[in-house]
């Protein structure tokens, strides 16, 4: 199977991938709270976002922008 062929849903949405997605969003929520409370700078937020993306690869990481928006 090449990289352009979509994976069947039962192979793509594994328990590990779903857990990683959840952990990524929880880590991002914490980073946003730290930013909102002025505990970290925007630069540090972006560094944390990149670390979160590497540590907990979210589903569809390949289509997420590299510099995550602060919402």
N, C-alpha and C. Protein backbone atom coordinates (compact mmCIF):
# COMPACT_ATOMS: atom_id res chain seq x y z
N UNK A 1 0.85 -1.17 0.00
CA UNK A 1 0.00 0.00 0.00
C UNK A 1 0.89 1.24 0.00
N UNK A 2 0.70 2.16 -0.95
CA UNK A 2 1.53 3.35 -0.99
C UNK A 2 0.96 4.44 -0.07
N UNK A 3 1.69 5.54 0.07
CA UNK A 3 1.30 6.63 0.98
C UNK A 3 0.04 7.36 0.53
N UNK A 4 -0.32 7.28 -0.73
CA UNK A 4 -1.49 7.99 -1.23
C UNK A 4 -2.77 7.19 -1.09
N UNK A 5 -2.66 5.91 -0.84
CA UNK A 5 -3.84 5.07 -0.69
C UNK A 5 -4.36 5.18 0.74
N UNK A 6 -5.63 5.60 0.92
CA UNK A 6 -6.17 5.71 2.29
C UNK A 6 -6.17 4.36 2.98
N UNK A 7 -5.89 4.38 4.27
CA UNK A 7 -5.92 3.16 5.05
C UNK A 7 -7.36 2.84 5.43
N UNK A 8 -7.70 1.56 5.49
CA UNK A 8 -9.04 1.19 5.94
C UNK A 8 -9.26 1.72 7.36
N UNK A 9 -10.49 2.13 7.70
CA UNK A 9 -10.76 2.70 9.02
C UNK A 9 -10.31 1.83 10.18
N UNK A 10 -10.42 0.51 10.06
CA UNK A 10 -10.03 -0.34 11.18
C UNK A 10 -8.53 -0.35 11.42
N UNK A 11 -7.73 0.05 10.44
CA UNK A 11 -6.28 0.13 10.61
C UNK A 11 -5.83 1.54 10.98
N UNK A 12 -6.61 2.53 10.65
CA UNK A 12 -6.24 3.92 10.90
C UNK A 12 -6.61 4.36 12.31
N UNK A 13 -7.81 4.05 12.73
CA UNK A 13 -8.30 4.49 14.04
C UNK A 13 -8.06 3.42 15.10
N UNK A 14 -6.80 3.22 15.43
CA UNK A 14 -6.47 2.25 16.46
C UNK A 14 -6.65 2.88 17.83
N UNK A 15 -6.69 2.05 18.85
CA UNK A 15 -6.80 2.54 20.23
C UNK A 15 -5.64 3.47 20.55
N UNK A 16 -4.45 3.10 20.11
CA UNK A 16 -3.26 3.91 20.39
C UNK A 16 -3.36 5.28 19.72
N UNK A 17 -3.83 5.32 18.49
CA UNK A 17 -3.95 6.60 17.78
C UNK A 17 -5.01 7.48 18.43
N UNK A 18 -6.12 6.89 18.83
CA UNK A 18 -7.16 7.66 19.49
C UNK A 18 -6.68 8.18 20.85
N UNK A 19 -5.93 7.36 21.58
CA UNK A 19 -5.37 7.79 22.86
C UNK A 19 -4.38 8.93 22.65
N UNK A 20 -3.57 8.84 21.63
CA UNK A 20 -2.61 9.89 21.31
C UNK A 20 -3.33 11.19 20.97
N UNK A 21 -4.41 11.08 20.23
CA UNK A 21 -5.22 12.26 19.87
C UNK A 21 -5.76 12.93 21.14
N UNK A 22 -6.29 12.14 22.05
CA UNK A 22 -6.82 12.67 23.30
C UNK A 22 -5.72 13.35 24.12
N UNK A 23 -4.59 12.70 24.24
CA UNK A 23 -3.47 13.28 25.01
C UNK A 23 -2.98 14.58 24.36
N UNK A 24 -2.93 14.61 23.04
CA UNK A 24 -2.51 15.83 22.34
C UNK A 24 -3.44 16.99 22.70
N UNK A 25 -4.74 16.76 22.63
CA UNK A 25 -5.69 17.84 22.92
C UNK A 25 -5.65 18.25 24.39
N UNK A 26 -5.44 17.31 25.28
CA UNK A 26 -5.34 17.66 26.70
C UNK A 26 -4.06 18.49 26.95
N UNK A 27 -2.96 18.09 26.34
CA UNK A 27 -1.71 18.84 26.49
C UNK A 27 -1.83 20.24 25.90
N UNK A 28 -2.52 20.34 24.76
CA UNK A 28 -2.72 21.66 24.15
C UNK A 28 -3.61 22.54 25.02
N UNK A 29 -4.61 21.95 25.64
CA UNK A 29 -5.50 22.71 26.53
C UNK A 29 -4.70 23.29 27.71
N UNK A 30 -3.80 22.48 28.25
CA UNK A 30 -2.96 22.94 29.36
C UNK A 30 -2.04 24.07 28.88
N UNK A 31 -1.44 23.90 27.72
CA UNK A 31 -0.54 24.93 27.18
C UNK A 31 -1.31 26.22 26.94
N UNK A 32 -2.53 26.14 26.41
CA UNK A 32 -3.35 27.35 26.18
C UNK A 32 -3.70 28.03 27.50
N UNK A 33 -4.00 27.23 28.53
CA UNK A 33 -4.31 27.80 29.84
C UNK A 33 -3.09 28.51 30.42
N UNK A 34 -1.92 27.90 30.24
CA UNK A 34 -0.69 28.53 30.72
C UNK A 34 -0.45 29.85 29.99
N UNK A 35 -0.70 29.87 28.70
CA UNK A 35 -0.55 31.10 27.92
C UNK A 35 -1.55 32.15 28.36
N UNK A 36 -2.79 31.75 28.54
CA UNK A 36 -3.84 32.69 28.95
C UNK A 36 -3.57 33.29 30.33
N UNK A 37 -2.91 32.52 31.19
CA UNK A 37 -2.58 33.00 32.53
C UNK A 37 -1.20 33.64 32.60
N UNK A 38 -0.62 33.90 31.43
CA UNK A 38 0.67 34.58 31.32
C UNK A 38 1.80 33.85 32.03
N UNK A 39 1.69 32.52 32.06
CA UNK A 39 2.75 31.71 32.66
C UNK A 39 3.83 31.38 31.64
N UNK A 40 3.47 31.44 30.36
CA UNK A 40 4.43 31.22 29.27
C UNK A 40 4.19 32.27 28.20
N UNK A 41 5.20 32.49 27.37
CA UNK A 41 5.09 33.43 26.26
C UNK A 41 4.49 32.72 25.04
N UNK A 42 4.17 33.50 24.00
CA UNK A 42 3.67 32.91 22.76
C UNK A 42 4.72 32.00 22.13
N UNK A 43 5.98 32.43 22.23
CA UNK A 43 7.05 31.60 21.67
C UNK A 43 7.12 30.26 22.40
N UNK A 44 7.03 30.30 23.72
CA UNK A 44 7.06 29.06 24.50
C UNK A 44 5.84 28.20 24.20
N UNK A 45 4.69 28.84 23.96
CA UNK A 45 3.49 28.10 23.59
C UNK A 45 3.71 27.33 22.29
N UNK A 46 4.32 27.99 21.31
CA UNK A 46 4.57 27.33 20.03
C UNK A 46 5.57 26.19 20.19
N UNK A 47 6.56 26.39 21.04
CA UNK A 47 7.53 25.32 21.32
C UNK A 47 6.81 24.12 21.95
N UNK A 48 5.96 24.40 22.95
CA UNK A 48 5.19 23.33 23.59
C UNK A 48 4.28 22.63 22.59
N UNK A 49 3.66 23.40 21.71
CA UNK A 49 2.77 22.81 20.70
C UNK A 49 3.53 21.84 19.81
N UNK A 50 4.74 22.22 19.42
CA UNK A 50 5.55 21.33 18.59
C UNK A 50 5.96 20.08 19.35
N UNK A 51 6.30 20.25 20.63
CA UNK A 51 6.65 19.09 21.46
C UNK A 51 5.43 18.18 21.62
N UNK A 52 4.27 18.77 21.84
CA UNK A 52 3.04 17.98 21.97
C UNK A 52 2.75 17.20 20.70
N UNK A 53 2.95 17.85 19.56
CA UNK A 53 2.70 17.20 18.27
C UNK A 53 3.64 16.01 18.07
N UNK A 54 4.90 16.14 18.50
CA UNK A 54 5.86 15.04 18.36
C UNK A 54 5.60 13.93 19.37
N UNK A 55 5.23 14.32 20.60
CA UNK A 55 5.02 13.35 21.66
C UNK A 55 3.72 12.58 21.49
N UNK A 56 2.67 13.31 21.12
CA UNK A 56 1.33 12.73 20.96
C UNK A 56 0.85 13.05 19.54
N UNK A 57 1.32 12.34 18.54
CA UNK A 57 0.92 12.67 17.16
C UNK A 57 -0.60 12.62 17.00
N UNK A 58 -1.22 13.77 16.72
CA UNK A 58 -2.67 13.77 16.54
C UNK A 58 -3.06 13.13 15.21
N UNK A 59 -4.29 12.67 15.15
CA UNK A 59 -4.82 12.18 13.88
C UNK A 59 -4.76 13.34 12.89
N UNK A 60 -4.49 13.06 11.68
CA UNK A 60 -4.43 14.07 10.62
C UNK A 60 -3.34 15.11 10.88
N UNK A 61 -2.28 14.74 11.60
CA UNK A 61 -1.18 15.67 11.88
C UNK A 61 -0.58 16.22 10.59
N UNK A 62 -0.64 15.41 9.55
CA UNK A 62 -0.05 15.83 8.28
C UNK A 62 -0.78 17.01 7.65
N UNK A 63 -2.02 17.31 8.07
CA UNK A 63 -2.72 18.46 7.49
C UNK A 63 -2.83 19.62 8.46
N UNK A 64 -2.35 19.44 9.69
CA UNK A 64 -2.35 20.55 10.65
C UNK A 64 -1.25 21.53 10.29
N UNK A 65 -1.51 22.83 10.44
CA UNK A 65 -0.45 23.79 10.17
C UNK A 65 0.68 23.62 11.18
N UNK A 66 1.90 23.91 10.77
CA UNK A 66 3.05 23.75 11.66
C UNK A 66 2.97 24.69 12.85
N UNK A 67 2.64 25.95 12.61
CA UNK A 67 2.46 26.91 13.70
C UNK A 67 0.99 26.92 14.10
N UNK A 68 0.65 26.19 15.15
CA UNK A 68 -0.75 26.09 15.54
C UNK A 68 -1.28 27.44 15.98
N UNK A 69 -2.49 27.75 15.56
CA UNK A 69 -3.13 29.01 15.94
C UNK A 69 -3.50 29.01 17.39
N UNK A 70 -3.46 30.16 18.00
CA UNK A 70 -3.86 30.32 19.39
C UNK A 70 -5.32 30.74 19.38
N UNK A 71 -6.18 29.86 19.89
CA UNK A 71 -7.61 30.18 19.87
C UNK A 71 -8.14 30.41 21.27
